């Protein structure tokens, strides 16, 4: 019968770190999936908010890039 290898503190720390990274990646994916399911995100600056930087700043397509004024209807512009 083979002896079971006892993990060293370093191995335990590495496993814990890996599990933490996996949980973080899973939460990030769930958040991204939930945002995709919701309505298109907009604000006074962005026509479409594609996402947020790690610092929380939004990024995406601005109203100006779309050739629209904030909250202008697409149908009115045609």
C-alpha atoms as a PDB file:
ATOM      1  CA  UNK A   1       0.000   0.000   0.000  1.00  0.00           C
ATOM      2  CA  UNK A   2       1.411   3.410  -0.998  1.00  0.00           C
ATOM      3  CA  UNK A   3       1.947   6.074   1.606  1.00  0.00           C
ATOM      4  CA  UNK A   4      -0.083   9.231   1.236  1.00  0.00           C
ATOM      5  CA  UNK A   5       2.094  12.303   0.626  1.00  0.00           C
ATOM      6  CA  UNK A   6       1.616  14.964   3.268  1.00  0.00           C
ATOM      7  CA  UNK A   7       1.502  18.423   1.746  1.00  0.00           C
ATOM      8  CA  UNK A   8       4.038  20.976   2.830  1.00  0.00           C
ATOM      9  CA  UNK A   9       2.902  24.453   3.917  1.00  0.00           C
ATOM     10  CA  UNK A  10       4.195  25.777   0.578  1.00  0.00           C
ATOM     11  CA  UNK A  11       2.120  23.235  -1.359  1.00  0.00           C
ATOM     12  CA  UNK A  12      -0.963  24.077   0.723  1.00  0.00           C
ATOM     13  CA  UNK A  13      -0.421  27.790   0.055  1.00  0.00           C
ATOM     14  CA  UNK A  14      -0.037  27.144  -3.683  1.00  0.00           C
ATOM     15  CA  UNK A  15      -3.268  25.123  -3.766  1.00  0.00           C
ATOM     16  CA  UNK A  16      -5.116  27.833  -1.817  1.00  0.00           C
ATOM     17  CA  UNK A  17      -3.797  30.508  -4.186  1.00  0.00           C
ATOM     18  CA  UNK A  18      -4.903  28.497  -7.224  1.00  0.00           C
ATOM     19  CA  UNK A  19      -8.390  27.967  -5.776  1.00  0.00           C
ATOM     20  CA  UNK A  20      -8.668  31.695  -5.018  1.00  0.00           C
ATOM     21  CA  UNK A  21      -7.689  32.538  -8.622  1.00  0.00           C
ATOM     22  CA  UNK A  22     -10.262  30.059  -9.924  1.00  0.00           C
ATOM     23  CA  UNK A  23     -13.018  31.561  -7.741  1.00  0.00           C
ATOM     24  CA  UNK A  24     -12.058  35.075  -8.871  1.00  0.00           C
ATOM     25  CA  UNK A  25     -12.114  34.028 -12.547  1.00  0.00           C
ATOM     26  CA  UNK A  26     -15.498  32.322 -12.085  1.00  0.00           C
ATOM     27  CA  UNK A  27     -16.999  35.414 -10.385  1.00  0.00           C
ATOM     28  CA  UNK A  28     -15.590  37.664 -13.110  1.00  0.00           C
ATOM     29  CA  UNK A  29     -17.136  35.467 -15.816  1.00  0.00           C
ATOM     30  CA  UNK A  30     -20.484  35.380 -13.986  1.00  0.00           C
ATOM     31  CA  UNK A  31     -20.467  39.168 -13.680  1.00  0.00           C
ATOM     32  CA  UNK A  32     -19.629  39.552 -17.377  1.00  0.00           C
ATOM     33  CA  UNK A  33     -22.378  37.072 -18.333  1.00  0.00           C
ATOM     34  CA  UNK A  34     -24.929  38.864 -16.142  1.00  0.00           C
ATOM     35  CA  UNK A  35     -24.045  42.226 -17.682  1.00  0.00           C
ATOM     36  CA  UNK A  36     -24.452  40.758 -21.161  1.00  0.00           C
ATOM     37  CA  UNK A  37     -27.942  39.521 -20.267  1.00  0.00           C
ATOM     38  CA  UNK A  38     -29.094  42.937 -19.074  1.00  0.00           C
ATOM     39  CA  UNK A  39     -30.060  45.872 -21.217  1.00  0.00           C
ATOM     40  CA  UNK A  40     -27.429  47.920 -23.046  1.00  0.00           C
ATOM     41  CA  UNK A  41     -25.554  50.058 -20.555  1.00  0.00           C
ATOM     42  CA  UNK A  42     -25.433  53.779 -21.334  1.00  0.00           C
ATOM     43  CA  UNK A  43     -24.661  57.032 -19.572  1.00  0.00           C
ATOM     44  CA  UNK A  44     -24.307  60.696 -20.480  1.00  0.00           C
ATOM     45  CA  UNK A  45     -20.911  60.063 -22.079  1.00  0.00           C
ATOM     46  CA  UNK A  46     -21.203  56.561 -23.542  1.00  0.00           C
ATOM     47  CA  UNK A  47     -23.763  55.351 -26.079  1.00  0.00           C
ATOM     48  CA  UNK A  48     -22.640  51.788 -25.297  1.00  0.00           C
ATOM     49  CA  UNK A  49     -20.589  50.790 -22.267  1.00  0.00           C
ATOM     50  CA  UNK A  50     -18.638  47.690 -23.255  1.00  0.00           C
ATOM     51  CA  UNK A  51     -17.100  47.198 -19.832  1.00  0.00           C
ATOM     52  CA  UNK A  52     -15.151  48.704 -16.998  1.00  0.00           C
ATOM     53  CA  UNK A  53     -11.425  48.954 -16.297  1.00  0.00           C
ATOM     54  CA  UNK A  54      -9.998  47.399 -13.151  1.00  0.00           C
ATOM     55  CA  UNK A  55     -10.147  50.889 -11.648  1.00  0.00           C
ATOM     56  CA  UNK A  56     -13.880  51.131 -12.387  1.00  0.00           C
ATOM     57  CA  UNK A  57     -13.776  53.565 -15.339  1.00  0.00           C
ATOM     58  CA  UNK A  58     -16.238  52.725 -18.142  1.00  0.00           C
ATOM     59  CA  UNK A  59     -15.114  52.202 -21.732  1.00  0.00           C
ATOM     60  CA  UNK A  60     -17.015  51.746 -24.947  1.00  0.00           C
ATOM     61  CA  UNK A  61     -18.569  53.785 -27.776  1.00  0.00           C
ATOM     62  CA  UNK A  62     -19.290  57.443 -27.047  1.00  0.00           C
ATOM     63  CA  UNK A  63     -22.344  59.346 -28.219  1.00  0.00           C
ATOM     64  CA  UNK A  64     -20.020  61.576 -30.256  1.00  0.00           C
ATOM     65  CA  UNK A  65     -18.534  58.570 -32.057  1.00  0.00           C
ATOM     66  CA  UNK A  66     -22.077  57.547 -32.984  1.00  0.00           C
ATOM     67  CA  UNK A  67     -22.805  61.042 -34.302  1.00  0.00           C
ATOM     68  CA  UNK A  68     -25.547  61.505 -31.733  1.00  0.00           C
ATOM     69  CA  UNK A  69     -26.298  63.821 -28.845  1.00  0.00           C
ATOM     70  CA  UNK A  70     -26.720  62.109 -25.476  1.00  0.00           C
ATOM     71  CA  UNK A  71     -29.989  60.165 -25.318  1.00  0.00           C
ATOM     72  CA  UNK A  72     -30.885  61.048 -28.935  1.00  0.00           C
ATOM     73  CA  UNK A  73     -32.952  58.322 -30.578  1.00  0.00           C
ATOM     74  CA  UNK A  74     -31.295  56.452 -33.460  1.00  0.00           C
ATOM     75  CA  UNK A  75     -34.480  56.704 -35.510  1.00  0.00           C
ATOM     76  CA  UNK A  76     -34.488  60.509 -35.296  1.00  0.00           C
ATOM     77  CA  UNK A  77     -31.009  60.709 -36.804  1.00  0.00           C
ATOM     78  CA  UNK A  78     -31.853  58.857 -40.050  1.00  0.00           C
END
